[in-house]
């Protein structure tokens, strides 16, 4: 690959690995929590706060500016992928309609 595609692939792979790992651990923890583990609190929000606490040292080390830039980049990745998937689904639906005619 060229033109930065290697860097983009590395980023996408890392975002996916991180998202899947976090989803796996959060779902597993939510499933395994005993009833009443956090009385009066939403267990999902408690786990979110735990994750925030775990990540906080890394964001402090990176600094506010880089953290905001990384956040914007991850959001842009999500929005681009969703927009492209929506466009692909619409195109596929149009092609299917054309084939039925």
Protein backbone atom coordinates (compact mmCIF):
# COMPACT_ATOMS: atom_id res chain seq x y z
CA UNK A 1 0.00 0.00 0.00
CA UNK A 2 1.00 3.57 -0.48
CA UNK A 3 -0.19 7.14 0.03
CA UNK A 4 -0.66 6.58 3.76
CA UNK A 5 -2.89 3.55 3.33
CA UNK A 6 -0.59 1.52 5.60
CA UNK A 7 -1.02 4.11 8.32
CA UNK A 8 -4.78 4.17 7.76
CA UNK A 9 -4.93 0.36 7.90
CA UNK A 10 -2.94 0.38 11.16
CA UNK A 11 -5.37 2.93 12.62
CA UNK A 12 -8.47 1.03 11.51
CA UNK A 13 -7.11 -2.26 12.83
CA UNK A 14 -6.26 -0.68 16.19
CA UNK A 15 -9.66 1.02 16.48
CA UNK A 16 -11.41 -2.28 15.67
CA UNK A 17 -9.25 -4.30 18.08
CA UNK A 18 -9.89 -1.78 20.84
CA UNK A 19 -13.63 -1.53 20.18
CA UNK A 20 -14.06 -5.30 20.08
CA UNK A 21 -11.97 -5.82 23.22
CA UNK A 22 -13.86 -3.14 25.14
CA UNK A 23 -17.22 -4.48 23.98
CA UNK A 24 -16.23 -8.00 24.98
CA UNK A 25 -15.07 -7.03 28.45
CA UNK A 26 -18.01 -4.71 29.17
CA UNK A 27 -20.59 -7.27 28.02
CA UNK A 28 -18.83 -10.01 30.00
CA UNK A 29 -18.64 -7.89 33.15
CA UNK A 30 -22.28 -6.80 32.86
CA UNK A 31 -23.34 -10.43 32.45
CA UNK A 32 -21.23 -11.59 35.41
CA UNK A 33 -22.06 -8.81 37.88
CA UNK A 34 -24.03 -10.06 40.84
CA UNK A 35 -27.45 -8.56 41.42
CA UNK A 36 -27.09 -5.32 43.37
CA UNK A 37 -23.35 -4.98 42.76
CA UNK A 38 -23.75 -1.21 42.54
CA UNK A 39 -26.86 -0.39 44.59
CA UNK A 40 -28.82 2.53 43.21
CA UNK A 41 -26.47 2.93 40.23
CA UNK A 42 -26.61 1.90 36.60
CA UNK A 43 -23.99 -0.87 36.22
CA UNK A 44 -23.24 0.23 32.65
CA UNK A 45 -22.47 3.76 33.82
CA UNK A 46 -20.31 2.44 36.65
CA UNK A 47 -18.28 0.37 34.18
CA UNK A 48 -18.00 3.38 31.87
CA UNK A 49 -16.58 5.43 34.72
CA UNK A 50 -14.10 2.63 35.47
CA UNK A 51 -12.96 2.66 31.85
CA UNK A 52 -12.66 6.46 31.95
CA UNK A 53 -10.47 6.10 35.04
CA UNK A 54 -8.29 3.53 33.28
CA UNK A 55 -7.89 5.68 30.17
CA UNK A 56 -7.40 8.99 31.97
CA UNK A 57 -3.62 8.64 32.56
CA UNK A 58 -3.10 8.08 28.83
CA UNK A 59 -5.15 11.16 27.91
CA UNK A 60 -3.30 13.27 30.48
CA UNK A 61 -0.01 12.09 28.98
CA UNK A 62 -1.22 12.88 25.46
CA UNK A 63 -2.59 16.28 26.44
CA UNK A 64 -5.98 17.85 25.84
CA UNK A 65 -5.31 18.91 22.26
CA UNK A 66 -4.14 15.48 21.08
CA UNK A 67 -6.97 13.80 22.98
CA UNK A 68 -9.55 16.03 21.31
CA UNK A 69 -7.91 15.37 17.92
CA UNK A 70 -7.99 11.61 18.53
CA UNK A 71 -11.63 11.81 19.62
CA UNK A 72 -12.55 13.74 16.48
CA UNK A 73 -10.65 11.24 14.32
CA UNK A 74 -12.43 8.24 15.86
CA UNK A 75 -15.80 10.00 15.41
CA UNK A 76 -14.93 10.78 11.78
CA UNK A 77 -14.01 7.14 11.21
CA UNK A 78 -17.39 6.05 12.56
CA UNK A 79 -19.33 8.60 10.51
CA UNK A 80 -17.46 7.82 7.26
CA UNK A 81 -17.93 4.09 7.63
CA UNK A 82 -21.63 4.45 8.46
CA UNK A 83 -22.18 6.86 5.56
CA UNK A 84 -20.39 4.54 3.13
CA UNK A 85 -22.32 1.50 4.37
CA UNK A 86 -25.63 3.38 4.00
CA UNK A 87 -24.66 4.40 0.46
CA UNK A 88 -23.68 0.81 -0.39
CA UNK A 89 -26.98 -0.51 1.00
CA UNK A 90 -28.95 2.01 -1.05
CA UNK A 91 -27.00 1.12 -4.19
CA UNK A 92 -27.58 -2.59 -3.59
CA UNK A 93 -31.30 -1.99 -3.07
CA UNK A 94 -31.50 0.06 -6.30
CA UNK A 95 -29.69 -2.67 -8.23
CA UNK A 96 -32.02 -5.31 -6.82
CA UNK A 97 -35.03 -3.21 -7.83
CA UNK A 98 -33.58 -2.78 -11.33
CA UNK A 99 -33.04 -6.53 -11.66
CA UNK A 100 -36.66 -7.22 -10.68
CA UNK A 101 -37.94 -4.98 -13.48
